[in-house]
C-alpha atoms as a PDB file:
ATOM      1  CA  GLN A   1       0.000   0.000   0.000  1.00  0.00           C
ATOM      2  CA  VAL A   2       2.384   2.616  -1.296  1.00  0.00           C
ATOM      3  CA  GLN A   3       1.553   5.755  -3.229  1.00  0.00           C
ATOM      4  CA  LEU A   4       3.960   8.011  -5.084  1.00  0.00           C
ATOM      5  CA  VAL A   5       2.919  11.608  -5.701  1.00  0.00           C
ATOM      6  CA  GLU A   6       4.805  13.550  -8.355  1.00  0.00           C
ATOM      7  CA  SER A   7       5.047  17.268  -8.962  1.00  0.00           C
ATOM      8  CA  GLY A   8       7.181  19.816 -10.784  1.00  0.00           C
ATOM      9  CA  GLY A   9       6.367  19.280 -14.433  1.00  0.00           C
ATOM     10  CA  GLY A  10       5.445  22.090 -16.761  1.00  0.00           C
ATOM     11  CA  LEU A  11       6.285  24.039 -19.876  1.00  0.00           C
ATOM     12  CA  VAL A  12       9.785  25.405 -20.301  1.00  0.00           C
ATOM     13  CA  GLN A  13      11.857  26.823 -23.126  1.00  0.00           C
ATOM     14  CA  THR A  14      14.939  25.150 -24.526  1.00  0.00           C
ATOM     15  CA  GLY A  15      17.810  25.623 -22.092  1.00  0.00           C
ATOM     16  CA  GLY A  16      15.542  26.037 -19.099  1.00  0.00           C
ATOM     17  CA  SER A  17      15.341  24.010 -15.918  1.00  0.00           C
ATOM     18  CA  LEU A  18      12.762  22.095 -13.920  1.00  0.00           C
ATOM     19  CA  ARG A  19      12.878  20.095 -10.717  1.00  0.00           C
ATOM     20  CA  LEU A  20      10.645  17.076 -10.342  1.00  0.00           C
ATOM     21  CA  SER A  21       9.670  15.684  -6.954  1.00  0.00           C
ATOM     22  CA  CYS A  22       8.241  12.328  -5.962  1.00  0.00           C
ATOM     23  CA  GLU A  23       7.036  11.774  -2.407  1.00  0.00           C
ATOM     24  CA  ALA A  24       6.226   8.312  -1.124  1.00  0.00           C
ATOM     25  CA  SER A  25       3.586   7.480   1.455  1.00  0.00           C
ATOM     26  CA  GLY A  26       2.308   4.289   3.016  1.00  0.00           C
ATOM     27  CA  SER A  27       4.127   1.243   4.298  1.00  0.00           C
ATOM     28  CA  ILE A  28       7.698   1.714   3.164  1.00  0.00           C
ATOM     29  CA  THR A  29      10.193  -0.870   4.324  1.00  0.00           C
ATOM     30  CA  GLY A  30      13.217  -2.139   2.501  1.00  0.00           C
ATOM     31  CA  THR A  31      13.765   0.118  -0.498  1.00  0.00           C
ATOM     32  CA  ASN A  32      15.602  -1.831  -3.170  1.00  0.00           C
ATOM     33  CA  ALA A  33      15.946   0.761  -5.907  1.00  0.00           C
ATOM     34  CA  LEU A  34      14.842   4.232  -6.997  1.00  0.00           C
ATOM     35  CA  GLY A  35      14.501   5.616 -10.466  1.00  0.00           C
ATOM     36  CA  TRP A  36      13.092   8.083 -12.954  1.00  0.00           C
ATOM     37  CA  PHE A  37      11.661   7.077 -16.302  1.00  0.00           C
ATOM     38  CA  ARG A  38      10.028   8.980 -19.117  1.00  0.00           C
ATOM     39  CA  GLN A  39       7.693   8.235 -21.985  1.00  0.00           C
ATOM     40  CA  ALA A  40       7.299  10.412 -25.045  1.00  0.00           C
ATOM     41  CA  PRO A  41       4.127  10.194 -27.162  1.00  0.00           C
ATOM     42  CA  GLY A  42       4.081   7.004 -29.207  1.00  0.00           C
ATOM     43  CA  LYS A  43       7.294   5.710 -27.674  1.00  0.00           C
ATOM     44  CA  GLN A  44       8.272   3.152 -25.064  1.00  0.00           C
ATOM     45  CA  ARG A  45       8.975   4.162 -21.515  1.00  0.00           C
ATOM     46  CA  GLU A  46      12.716   4.616 -21.072  1.00  0.00           C
ATOM     47  CA  LEU A  47      15.118   4.893 -18.182  1.00  0.00           C
ATOM     48  CA  VAL A  48      16.333   8.366 -17.259  1.00  0.00           C
ATOM     49  CA  ALA A  49      18.178   7.686 -14.019  1.00  0.00           C
ATOM     50  CA  ARG A  50      18.378   4.798 -11.599  1.00  0.00           C
ATOM     51  CA  LEU A  51      19.851   4.316  -8.134  1.00  0.00           C
ATOM     52  CA  PRO A  52      20.167   0.707  -7.031  1.00  0.00           C
ATOM     53  CA  SER A  53      20.428  -0.058  -3.336  1.00  0.00           C
ATOM     54  CA  ASP A  54      24.001  -1.284  -3.733  1.00  0.00           C
ATOM     55  CA  GLY A  55      25.448   1.214  -6.192  1.00  0.00           C
ATOM     56  CA  LYS A  56      25.684   4.722  -7.562  1.00  0.00           C
ATOM     57  CA  THR A  57      23.214   6.599  -9.693  1.00  0.00           C
ATOM     58  CA  VAL A  58      23.379   5.803 -13.378  1.00  0.00           C
ATOM     59  CA  TYR A  59      22.031   8.110 -16.064  1.00  0.00           C
ATOM     60  CA  ALA A  60      20.954   7.623 -19.616  1.00  0.00           C
ATOM     61  CA  ASP A  61      23.537   8.953 -22.043  1.00  0.00           C
ATOM     62  CA  SER A  62      21.007  11.437 -23.362  1.00  0.00           C
ATOM     63  CA  VAL A  63      20.728  13.206 -19.984  1.00  0.00           C
ATOM     64  CA  GLN A  64      24.225  12.681 -18.594  1.00  0.00           C
ATOM     65  CA  GLY A  65      25.639  15.943 -17.300  1.00  0.00           C
ATOM     66  CA  ARG A  66      22.287  17.726 -17.460  1.00  0.00           C
ATOM     67  CA  PHE A  67      20.074  15.836 -15.006  1.00  0.00           C
ATOM     68  CA  THR A  68      20.769  15.126 -11.343  1.00  0.00           C
ATOM     69  CA  PHE A  69      19.050  12.497  -9.213  1.00  0.00           C
ATOM     70  CA  SER A  70      18.827  13.115  -5.468  1.00  0.00           C
ATOM     71  CA  LYS A  71      16.884  11.902  -2.465  1.00  0.00           C
ATOM     72  CA  ASP A  72      15.803  13.027   0.977  1.00  0.00           C
ATOM     73  CA  THR A  73      15.353   9.939   3.097  1.00  0.00           C
ATOM     74  CA  ALA A  74      13.713  11.787   6.001  1.00  0.00           C
ATOM     75  CA  LYS A  75      11.069  13.262   3.698  1.00  0.00           C
ATOM     76  CA  LYS A  76      10.725  10.030   1.711  1.00  0.00           C
ATOM     77  CA  THR A  77      11.153  12.091  -1.425  1.00  0.00           C
ATOM     78  CA  ILE A  78      13.281  11.764  -4.525  1.00  0.00           C
ATOM     79  CA  TYR A  79      14.080  14.524  -6.988  1.00  0.00           C
ATOM     80  CA  LEU A  80      15.164  14.963 -10.552  1.00  0.00           C
ATOM     81  CA  GLN A  81      16.849  18.276 -11.297  1.00  0.00           C
ATOM     82  CA  MET A  82      16.740  18.883 -15.039  1.00  0.00           C
ATOM     83  CA  ASN A  83      18.952  21.559 -16.552  1.00  0.00           C
ATOM     84  CA  SER A  84      19.714  22.602 -20.114  1.00  0.00           C
ATOM     85  CA  LEU A  85      16.465  21.082 -21.272  1.00  0.00           C
ATOM     86  CA  LYS A  86      16.022  20.174 -24.918  1.00  0.00           C
ATOM     87  CA  PRO A  87      12.884  19.582 -26.990  1.00  0.00           C
ATOM     88  CA  GLU A  88      13.704  15.871 -27.080  1.00  0.00           C
ATOM     89  CA  ASP A  89      13.299  15.815 -23.296  1.00  0.00           C
ATOM     90  CA  THR A  90       9.567  16.377 -23.759  1.00  0.00           C
ATOM     91  CA  ALA A  91       7.783  13.441 -22.156  1.00  0.00           C
ATOM     92  CA  VAL A  92       5.746  12.276 -19.209  1.00  0.00           C
ATOM     93  CA  TYR A  93       8.159  11.572 -16.391  1.00  0.00           C
ATOM     94  CA  TYR A  94       7.500   8.796 -13.896  1.00  0.00           C
ATOM     95  CA  CYS A  95       9.195   8.076 -10.610  1.00  0.00           C
ATOM     96  CA  ASN A  96       9.811   4.460  -9.738  1.00  0.00           C
ATOM     97  CA  TRP A  97      10.270   3.032  -6.265  1.00  0.00           C
ATOM     98  CA  ILE A  98      10.999  -0.623  -5.673  1.00  0.00           C
ATOM     99  CA  ILE A  99      10.041  -1.431  -2.092  1.00  0.00           C
ATOM    100  CA  SER A 100      10.367  -4.933  -0.682  1.00  0.00           C
ATOM    101  CA  TYR A 101      10.727  -6.148  -4.268  1.00  0.00           C
ATOM    102  CA  MET A 102       7.396  -4.608  -5.284  1.00  0.00           C
ATOM    103  CA  ASN A 103       7.417  -2.124  -8.141  1.00  0.00           C
ATOM    104  CA  TYR A 104       5.578   1.180  -7.610  1.00  0.00           C
ATOM    105  CA  TRP A 105       5.076   4.011 -10.083  1.00  0.00           C
ATOM    106  CA  GLY A 106       4.046   7.616  -9.794  1.00  0.00           C
ATOM    107  CA  GLU A 107       1.158   8.939 -11.866  1.00  0.00           C
ATOM    108  CA  GLY A 108       3.528  10.850 -14.109  1.00  0.00           C
ATOM    109  CA  THR A 109       4.163  14.542 -14.622  1.00  0.00           C
ATOM    110  CA  LEU A 110       4.336  16.161 -18.042  1.00  0.00           C
ATOM    111  CA  VAL A 111       7.435  18.054 -19.097  1.00  0.00           C
ATOM    112  CA  THR A 112       7.170  20.046 -22.308  1.00  0.00           C
ATOM    113  CA  VAL A 113      10.210  21.786 -23.753  1.00  0.00           C
ATOM    114  CA  SER A 114       9.539  24.260 -26.524  1.00  0.00           C
ATOM    115  CA  SER A 115      12.056  24.839 -29.289  1.00  0.00           C
END
């Protein structure tokens, strides 16, 4: 019984920045992995950034150096800071939280980058 609530999406011009947030609530014990994914219209959902429980954050090549994944354990919140945004970053962004080997997804927040 876990819910993930996302916020921070919106419309931004090329080169702008946005910060996405994802707050978890419910019974949270044993987090195995955290991640951000995105899905553009007509395309498959793809990995943006992932933090396994036993490693460092990994980023997709397309966002490396522009996006930063962070977390606040006390607030049970993860963030995705997105800088130098490009039109190809336009997508619905989803947070992902694997808790006790169960896969939970946020509802998604739309990021639109105008050219």
